[in-house]
Amino acid sequence: MIKIFEILCFVGFISVMAHPYYRDRIPNGYAVSNPCGSGFWEAVGHYDPLHHTHDKNPFGLAFAAAGHQWTVDLCNADSDGDGVSNGAELGDPNCTWTAGDTPEGKSTGQPGICEPVGSGACSSIAFYCGCHGHACIG
């Protein structure tokens, strides 16, 4: 019984540790603006700013579909529908960034959360700051 618990803990630890790997694959992956307040949105492809939930936001889905790689198509896309490209929101407006390089600029938005949250083009999106789990899908 203890052995099974140790294995489950190890697997859980590995899965949590794997997520920074994805953040290394997008420009400013560790400094993505938080549309719900100050600081950064750590779980970039998810609806929760701090936790890697099962439900991915539109950018997380697009990033997965692109093979978890930053591509010119992903950069030029507007995954969250707020009128700003993923690249512009992540500091790569010209789509020239490659993994390991310094991005052209700083993050100005969250590519998976329509901004400003709840207003204008984003008013029809079910996401609201502070939502958790399936309540964030919209």
N, C-alpha and C. Protein backbone atom coordinates (compact mmCIF):
# COMPACT_ATOMS: atom_id res chain seq x y z
N MET A 1 0.82 -1.19 0.00
CA MET A 1 0.00 0.00 0.00
C MET A 1 0.87 1.25 0.00
N ILE A 2 1.92 1.24 0.82
CA ILE A 2 2.81 2.40 0.88
C ILE A 2 3.52 2.58 -0.46
N LYS A 3 3.89 1.50 -1.11
CA LYS A 3 4.59 1.57 -2.39
C LYS A 3 3.70 2.25 -3.45
N ILE A 4 2.42 1.92 -3.48
CA ILE A 4 1.49 2.54 -4.43
C ILE A 4 1.40 4.04 -4.15
N PHE A 5 1.32 4.42 -2.88
CA PHE A 5 1.26 5.82 -2.50
C PHE A 5 2.52 6.56 -2.97
N GLU A 6 3.69 5.94 -2.78
CA GLU A 6 4.95 6.55 -3.21
C GLU A 6 4.97 6.75 -4.73
N ILE A 7 4.48 5.77 -5.46
CA ILE A 7 4.44 5.87 -6.92
C ILE A 7 3.50 6.98 -7.36
N LEU A 8 2.32 7.05 -6.76
CA LEU A 8 1.36 8.11 -7.10
C LEU A 8 1.92 9.49 -6.77
N CYS A 9 2.60 9.62 -5.65
CA CYS A 9 3.22 10.90 -5.30
C CYS A 9 4.29 11.29 -6.32
N PHE A 10 5.10 10.31 -6.74
CA PHE A 10 6.14 10.58 -7.72
C PHE A 10 5.54 11.01 -9.05
N VAL A 11 4.52 10.30 -9.52
CA VAL A 11 3.86 10.63 -10.78
C VAL A 11 3.25 12.04 -10.68
N GLY A 12 2.59 12.33 -9.57
CA GLY A 12 2.02 13.66 -9.36
C GLY A 12 3.08 14.73 -9.38
N PHE A 13 4.22 14.48 -8.75
CA PHE A 13 5.33 15.42 -8.72
C PHE A 13 5.87 15.66 -10.12
N ILE A 14 6.05 14.61 -10.89
CA ILE A 14 6.56 14.73 -12.26
C ILE A 14 5.60 15.54 -13.12
N SER A 15 4.29 15.30 -13.01
CA SER A 15 3.34 16.02 -13.85
C SER A 15 3.30 17.50 -13.50
N VAL A 16 3.45 17.85 -12.24
CA VAL A 16 3.49 19.26 -11.84
C VAL A 16 4.78 19.89 -12.33
N MET A 17 5.87 19.18 -12.24
CA MET A 17 7.16 19.72 -12.64
C MET A 17 7.26 19.90 -14.15
N ALA A 18 6.45 19.20 -14.94
CA ALA A 18 6.56 19.27 -16.39
C ALA A 18 6.03 20.58 -16.96
N HIS A 19 5.13 21.26 -16.28
CA HIS A 19 4.50 22.46 -16.84
C HIS A 19 5.45 23.62 -17.13
N PRO A 20 6.49 23.86 -16.32
CA PRO A 20 7.40 24.94 -16.69
C PRO A 20 8.05 24.70 -18.06
N TYR A 21 8.14 23.46 -18.45
CA TYR A 21 8.68 23.12 -19.77
C TYR A 21 7.89 23.83 -20.87
N TYR A 22 6.57 23.89 -20.73
CA TYR A 22 5.74 24.57 -21.72
C TYR A 22 5.96 26.08 -21.68
N ARG A 23 6.15 26.63 -20.50
CA ARG A 23 6.37 28.07 -20.37
C ARG A 23 7.67 28.49 -21.04
N ASP A 24 8.64 27.58 -21.13
CA ASP A 24 9.90 27.85 -21.82
C ASP A 24 9.69 27.94 -23.33
N ARG A 25 8.57 27.45 -23.83
CA ARG A 25 8.33 27.35 -25.26
C ARG A 25 7.48 28.49 -25.82
N ILE A 26 7.19 29.50 -24.99
CA ILE A 26 6.47 30.68 -25.48
C ILE A 26 7.22 31.93 -25.00
N PRO A 27 7.17 33.00 -25.78
CA PRO A 27 7.86 34.22 -25.36
C PRO A 27 7.27 34.74 -24.05
N ASN A 28 8.14 35.18 -23.16
CA ASN A 28 7.74 35.71 -21.85
C ASN A 28 6.88 34.73 -21.07
N GLY A 29 7.11 33.44 -21.23
CA GLY A 29 6.30 32.42 -20.58
C GLY A 29 6.24 32.53 -19.06
N TYR A 30 7.23 33.16 -18.46
CA TYR A 30 7.25 33.32 -17.01
C TYR A 30 6.81 34.72 -16.58
N ALA A 31 6.40 35.52 -17.54
CA ALA A 31 6.01 36.90 -17.23
C ALA A 31 4.80 37.32 -18.06
N VAL A 32 3.77 36.47 -18.10
CA VAL A 32 2.55 36.77 -18.85
C VAL A 32 1.63 37.62 -17.97
N SER A 33 1.22 38.74 -18.49
CA SER A 33 0.38 39.68 -17.74
C SER A 33 -0.87 39.01 -17.20
N ASN A 34 -1.29 39.43 -16.01
CA ASN A 34 -2.49 38.92 -15.37
C ASN A 34 -3.64 39.89 -15.64
N PRO A 35 -4.64 39.49 -16.44
CA PRO A 35 -5.75 40.39 -16.75
C PRO A 35 -6.72 40.60 -15.58
N CYS A 36 -6.48 39.89 -14.49
CA CYS A 36 -7.37 39.98 -13.32
C CYS A 36 -6.72 40.70 -12.14
N GLY A 37 -5.59 41.31 -12.37
CA GLY A 37 -4.92 42.02 -11.28
C GLY A 37 -3.45 42.16 -11.54
N SER A 38 -2.69 42.31 -10.48
CA SER A 38 -1.25 42.50 -10.63
C SER A 38 -0.54 41.15 -10.70
N GLY A 39 0.71 41.20 -11.02
CA GLY A 39 1.51 39.98 -11.09
C GLY A 39 1.37 39.29 -12.43
N PHE A 40 1.73 38.01 -12.44
CA PHE A 40 1.76 37.24 -13.67
C PHE A 40 0.78 36.08 -13.62
N TRP A 41 0.37 35.64 -14.80
CA TRP A 41 -0.52 34.49 -14.96
C TRP A 41 0.39 33.29 -15.19
N GLU A 42 0.62 32.49 -14.16
CA GLU A 42 1.60 31.41 -14.24
C GLU A 42 1.16 30.23 -15.11
N ALA A 43 -0.10 29.87 -15.06
CA ALA A 43 -0.61 28.74 -15.83
C ALA A 43 -1.18 29.28 -17.14
N VAL A 44 -0.31 29.72 -18.04
CA VAL A 44 -0.68 30.48 -19.23
C VAL A 44 -1.79 29.84 -20.05
N GLY A 45 -1.76 28.55 -20.27
CA GLY A 45 -2.75 27.88 -21.10
C GLY A 45 -3.99 27.41 -20.36
N HIS A 46 -4.17 27.88 -19.14
CA HIS A 46 -5.29 27.45 -18.32
C HIS A 46 -6.08 28.64 -17.81
N TYR A 47 -7.31 28.38 -17.36
CA TYR A 47 -8.17 29.45 -16.87
C TYR A 47 -7.78 29.95 -15.48
N ASP A 48 -7.15 29.12 -14.68
CA ASP A 48 -6.74 29.52 -13.34
C ASP A 48 -5.32 30.08 -13.42
N PRO A 49 -5.07 31.25 -12.83
CA PRO A 49 -3.75 31.87 -12.97
C PRO A 49 -2.61 31.10 -12.31
N LEU A 50 -2.91 30.28 -11.32
CA LEU A 50 -1.85 29.60 -10.57
C LEU A 50 -1.84 28.10 -10.72
N HIS A 51 -2.95 27.52 -11.13
CA HIS A 51 -3.07 26.06 -11.15
C HIS A 51 -3.32 25.54 -12.56
N HIS A 52 -2.63 24.46 -12.88
CA HIS A 52 -2.79 23.81 -14.17
C HIS A 52 -4.00 22.90 -14.10
N THR A 53 -5.17 23.45 -14.40
CA THR A 53 -6.41 22.71 -14.33
C THR A 53 -6.59 21.84 -15.58
N HIS A 54 -7.56 20.97 -15.53
CA HIS A 54 -7.86 20.12 -16.68
C HIS A 54 -8.35 20.97 -17.86
N ASP A 55 -9.13 21.99 -17.57
CA ASP A 55 -9.71 22.83 -18.62
C ASP A 55 -8.71 23.87 -19.11
N LYS A 56 -8.37 23.77 -20.39
CA LYS A 56 -7.44 24.73 -20.98
C LYS A 56 -8.22 25.90 -21.56
N ASN A 57 -7.60 27.07 -21.56
CA ASN A 57 -8.20 28.23 -22.21
C ASN A 57 -7.93 28.13 -23.72
N PRO A 58 -8.48 29.05 -24.54
CA PRO A 58 -8.30 28.94 -25.99
C PRO A 58 -6.83 28.92 -26.43
N PHE A 59 -5.97 29.67 -25.74
CA PHE A 59 -4.55 29.64 -26.11
C PHE A 59 -3.95 28.28 -25.77
N GLY A 60 -4.29 27.72 -24.63
CA GLY A 60 -3.79 26.40 -24.25
C GLY A 60 -4.18 25.34 -25.26
N LEU A 61 -5.41 25.41 -25.75
CA LEU A 61 -5.88 24.46 -26.78
C LEU A 61 -5.12 24.66 -28.09
N ALA A 62 -4.91 25.91 -28.48
CA ALA A 62 -4.19 26.20 -29.73
C ALA A 62 -2.72 25.80 -29.62
N PHE A 63 -2.13 26.04 -28.46
CA PHE A 63 -0.73 25.66 -28.22
C PHE A 63 -0.57 24.14 -28.30
N ALA A 64 -1.51 23.40 -27.71
CA ALA A 64 -1.48 21.94 -27.78
C ALA A 64 -1.63 21.48 -29.23
N ALA A 65 -2.55 22.10 -29.97
CA ALA A 65 -2.78 21.74 -31.38
C ALA A 65 -1.55 22.02 -32.24
N ALA A 66 -0.73 22.99 -31.82
CA ALA A 66 0.50 23.34 -32.55
C ALA A 66 1.68 22.47 -32.09
N GLY A 67 1.38 21.40 -31.36
CA GLY A 67 2.44 20.49 -30.91
C GLY A 67 3.26 21.06 -29.77
N HIS A 68 2.66 21.97 -28.99
CA HIS A 68 3.35 22.64 -27.88
C HIS A 68 4.60 23.37 -28.36
N GLN A 69 4.48 23.98 -29.52
CA GLN A 69 5.57 24.76 -30.11
C GLN A 69 5.06 26.15 -30.46
N TRP A 70 5.92 27.15 -30.34
CA TRP A 70 5.60 28.51 -30.77
C TRP A 70 5.83 28.57 -32.27
N THR A 71 4.76 28.75 -33.02
CA THR A 71 4.84 28.79 -34.48
C THR A 71 4.38 30.16 -34.97
N VAL A 72 4.69 30.49 -36.21
CA VAL A 72 4.24 31.76 -36.79
C VAL A 72 2.71 31.81 -36.82
N ASP A 73 2.08 30.69 -37.16
CA ASP A 73 0.61 30.66 -37.19
C ASP A 73 0.02 30.90 -35.81
N LEU A 74 0.58 30.27 -34.77
CA LEU A 74 0.10 30.47 -33.41
C LEU A 74 0.36 31.91 -32.97
N CYS A 75 1.48 32.44 -33.32
CA CYS A 75 1.84 33.82 -33.00
C CYS A 75 0.85 34.81 -33.63
N ASN A 76 0.52 34.61 -34.88
CA ASN A 76 -0.38 35.52 -35.59
C ASN A 76 -1.85 35.36 -35.22
N ALA A 77 -2.19 34.23 -34.62
CA ALA A 77 -3.58 33.97 -34.25
C ALA A 77 -3.99 34.84 -33.06
N ASP A 78 -5.29 35.01 -32.92
CA ASP A 78 -5.88 35.72 -31.78
C ASP A 78 -6.74 34.70 -31.05
N SER A 79 -6.11 33.85 -30.26
CA SER A 79 -6.79 32.72 -29.63
C SER A 79 -7.96 33.13 -28.75
N ASP A 80 -7.84 34.24 -28.05
CA ASP A 80 -8.89 34.64 -27.11
C ASP A 80 -9.93 35.59 -27.71
N GLY A 81 -9.76 36.00 -28.97
CA GLY A 81 -10.75 36.82 -29.66
C GLY A 81 -10.86 38.25 -29.18
N ASP A 82 -9.81 38.79 -28.59
CA ASP A 82 -9.88 40.16 -28.10
C ASP A 82 -9.34 41.20 -29.08
N GLY A 83 -9.00 40.76 -30.28
CA GLY A 83 -8.52 41.69 -31.30
C GLY A 83 -7.03 41.93 -31.29
N VAL A 84 -6.29 41.21 -30.44
CA VAL A 84 -4.83 41.35 -30.36
C VAL A 84 -4.21 39.97 -30.57
N SER A 85 -3.20 39.89 -31.43
CA SER A 85 -2.60 38.59 -31.72
C SER A 85 -1.89 38.02 -30.49
N ASN A 86 -1.75 36.70 -30.48
CA ASN A 86 -1.02 36.03 -29.41
C ASN A 86 0.40 36.59 -29.30
N GLY A 87 1.04 36.81 -30.44
CA GLY A 87 2.40 37.34 -30.44
C GLY A 87 2.49 38.72 -29.82
N ALA A 88 1.56 39.60 -30.17
CA ALA A 88 1.57 40.94 -29.60
C ALA A 88 1.36 40.87 -28.09
N GLU A 89 0.46 39.99 -27.63
CA GLU A 89 0.21 39.88 -26.20
C GLU A 89 1.39 39.30 -25.44
N LEU A 90 2.18 38.46 -26.10
CA LEU A 90 3.31 37.82 -25.43
C LEU A 90 4.65 38.51 -25.71
N GLY A 91 4.63 39.66 -26.37
CA GLY A 91 5.87 40.40 -26.60
C GLY A 91 6.65 39.98 -27.83
N ASP A 92 6.00 39.31 -28.76
CA ASP A 92 6.62 38.90 -30.02
C ASP A 92 5.74 39.34 -31.19
N PRO A 93 5.54 40.66 -31.34
CA PRO A 93 4.60 41.15 -32.36
C PRO A 93 4.99 40.82 -33.79
N ASN A 94 6.27 40.60 -34.05
CA ASN A 94 6.72 40.28 -35.40
C ASN A 94 6.92 38.79 -35.63
N CYS A 95 6.58 37.98 -34.62
CA CYS A 95 6.65 36.52 -34.72
C CYS A 95 8.04 36.02 -35.11
N THR A 96 9.05 36.55 -34.47
CA THR A 96 10.44 36.16 -34.76
C THR A 96 11.11 35.40 -33.62
N TRP A 97 10.43 35.31 -32.46
CA TRP A 97 11.04 34.70 -31.28
C TRP A 97 11.23 33.21 -31.48
N THR A 98 12.34 32.70 -30.96
CA THR A 98 12.57 31.25 -30.89
C THR A 98 12.96 30.91 -29.46
N ALA A 99 12.68 29.70 -29.06
CA ALA A 99 12.95 29.26 -27.68
C ALA A 99 14.39 29.53 -27.30
N GLY A 100 14.58 30.12 -26.15
CA GLY A 100 15.91 30.45 -25.65
C GLY A 100 16.32 31.88 -25.92
N ASP A 101 15.64 32.54 -26.86
CA ASP A 101 15.96 33.94 -27.17
C ASP A 101 15.23 34.88 -26.23
N THR A 102 15.65 36.13 -26.21
CA THR A 102 14.95 37.17 -25.46
C THR A 102 13.86 37.73 -26.36
N PRO A 103 12.63 37.79 -25.88
CA PRO A 103 11.54 38.34 -26.70
C PRO A 103 11.78 39.81 -27.04
N GLU A 104 11.19 40.25 -28.12
CA GLU A 104 11.31 41.63 -28.59
C GLU A 104 10.78 42.62 -27.56
N GLY A 105 9.70 42.27 -26.90
CA GLY A 105 9.09 43.16 -25.90
C GLY A 105 8.57 42.38 -24.71
N LYS A 106 7.89 43.10 -23.84
CA LYS A 106 7.28 42.47 -22.66
C LYS A 106 5.87 42.02 -22.98
N SER A 107 5.37 41.11 -22.17
CA SER A 107 3.98 40.67 -22.29
C SER A 107 3.06 41.85 -22.00
N THR A 108 2.05 41.99 -22.84
CA THR A 108 1.07 43.07 -22.64
C THR A 108 -0.33 42.53 -22.37
N GLY A 109 -0.48 41.21 -22.43
CA GLY A 109 -1.79 40.61 -22.23
C GLY A 109 -1.67 39.11 -22.04
N GLN A 110 -2.80 38.48 -21.81
CA GLN A 110 -2.89 37.03 -21.64
C GLN A 110 -3.55 36.48 -22.90
N PRO A 111 -2.84 35.68 -23.71
CA PRO A 111 -3.37 35.24 -25.00
C PRO A 111 -4.55 34.26 -24.93
N GLY A 112 -4.88 33.77 -23.74
CA GLY A 112 -5.98 32.83 -23.61
C GLY A 112 -7.18 33.39 -22.86
N ILE A 113 -7.10 34.64 -22.42
CA ILE A 113 -8.19 35.28 -21.68
C ILE A 113 -8.54 36.57 -22.40
N CYS A 114 -9.77 36.67 -22.88
CA CYS A 114 -10.23 37.86 -23.60
C CYS A 114 -10.17 39.07 -22.65
N GLU A 115 -9.52 40.13 -23.13
CA GLU A 115 -9.33 41.33 -22.31
C GLU A 115 -9.86 42.57 -23.02
N PRO A 116 -10.34 43.53 -22.22
CA PRO A 116 -10.54 43.49 -20.78
C PRO A 116 -11.69 42.57 -20.41
N VAL A 117 -11.48 41.79 -19.36
CA VAL A 117 -12.44 40.77 -18.93
C VAL A 117 -13.81 41.40 -18.69
N GLY A 118 -14.83 40.82 -19.35
CA GLY A 118 -16.22 41.23 -19.12
C GLY A 118 -16.69 42.48 -19.85
N SER A 119 -15.86 43.07 -20.69
CA SER A 119 -16.32 44.28 -21.37
C SER A 119 -16.12 44.18 -22.87
N GLY A 120 -16.84 44.97 -23.63
CA GLY A 120 -16.69 45.02 -25.08
C GLY A 120 -16.79 43.67 -25.75
N ALA A 121 -15.77 43.35 -26.53
CA ALA A 121 -15.74 42.10 -27.28
C ALA A 121 -15.74 40.88 -26.36
N CYS A 122 -15.44 41.08 -25.09
CA CYS A 122 -15.34 39.96 -24.15
C CYS A 122 -16.61 39.73 -23.34
N SER A 123 -17.62 40.54 -23.53
CA SER A 123 -18.82 40.44 -22.69
C SER A 123 -19.59 39.13 -22.89
N SER A 124 -19.44 38.49 -24.03
CA SER A 124 -20.16 37.24 -24.26
C SER A 124 -19.38 36.01 -23.79
N ILE A 125 -18.18 36.21 -23.28
CA ILE A 125 -17.34 35.11 -22.80
C ILE A 125 -17.69 34.82 -21.34
N ALA A 126 -17.85 33.55 -20.99
CA ALA A 126 -18.28 33.17 -19.64
C ALA A 126 -17.19 33.37 -18.59
N PHE A 127 -15.94 33.54 -18.99
CA PHE A 127 -14.85 33.68 -18.02
C PHE A 127 -15.02 34.95 -17.19
N TYR A 128 -14.75 34.83 -15.89
CA TYR A 128 -14.69 35.99 -15.01
C TYR A 128 -13.53 35.76 -14.03
N CYS A 129 -12.93 36.82 -13.57
CA CYS A 129 -11.81 36.70 -12.65
C CYS A 129 -12.26 36.00 -11.38
N GLY A 130 -11.46 35.02 -10.96
CA GLY A 130 -11.77 34.27 -9.75
C GLY A 130 -12.55 33.00 -9.98
N CYS A 131 -12.94 32.70 -11.24
CA CYS A 131 -13.67 31.46 -11.48
C CYS A 131 -12.73 30.27 -11.38
N HIS A 132 -13.30 29.11 -11.11
CA HIS A 132 -12.50 27.88 -10.99
C HIS A 132 -13.21 26.74 -11.68
N GLY A 133 -12.42 25.82 -12.21
CA GLY A 133 -12.97 24.61 -12.82
C GLY A 133 -13.81 24.87 -14.06
N HIS A 134 -14.85 24.08 -14.22
CA HIS A 134 -15.68 24.16 -15.43
C HIS A 134 -16.45 25.46 -15.54
N ALA A 135 -16.57 26.22 -14.46
CA ALA A 135 -17.28 27.52 -14.51
C ALA A 135 -16.52 28.51 -15.39
N CYS A 136 -15.25 28.26 -15.66
CA CYS A 136 -14.44 29.17 -16.46
C CYS A 136 -14.56 28.94 -17.97
N ILE A 137 -15.15 27.85 -18.36
CA ILE A 137 -15.23 27.53 -19.79
C ILE A 137 -16.26 28.43 -20.44
N GLY A 138 -15.84 29.09 -21.51
CA GLY A 138 -16.78 29.98 -22.17
C GLY A 138 -16.44 30.36 -23.52
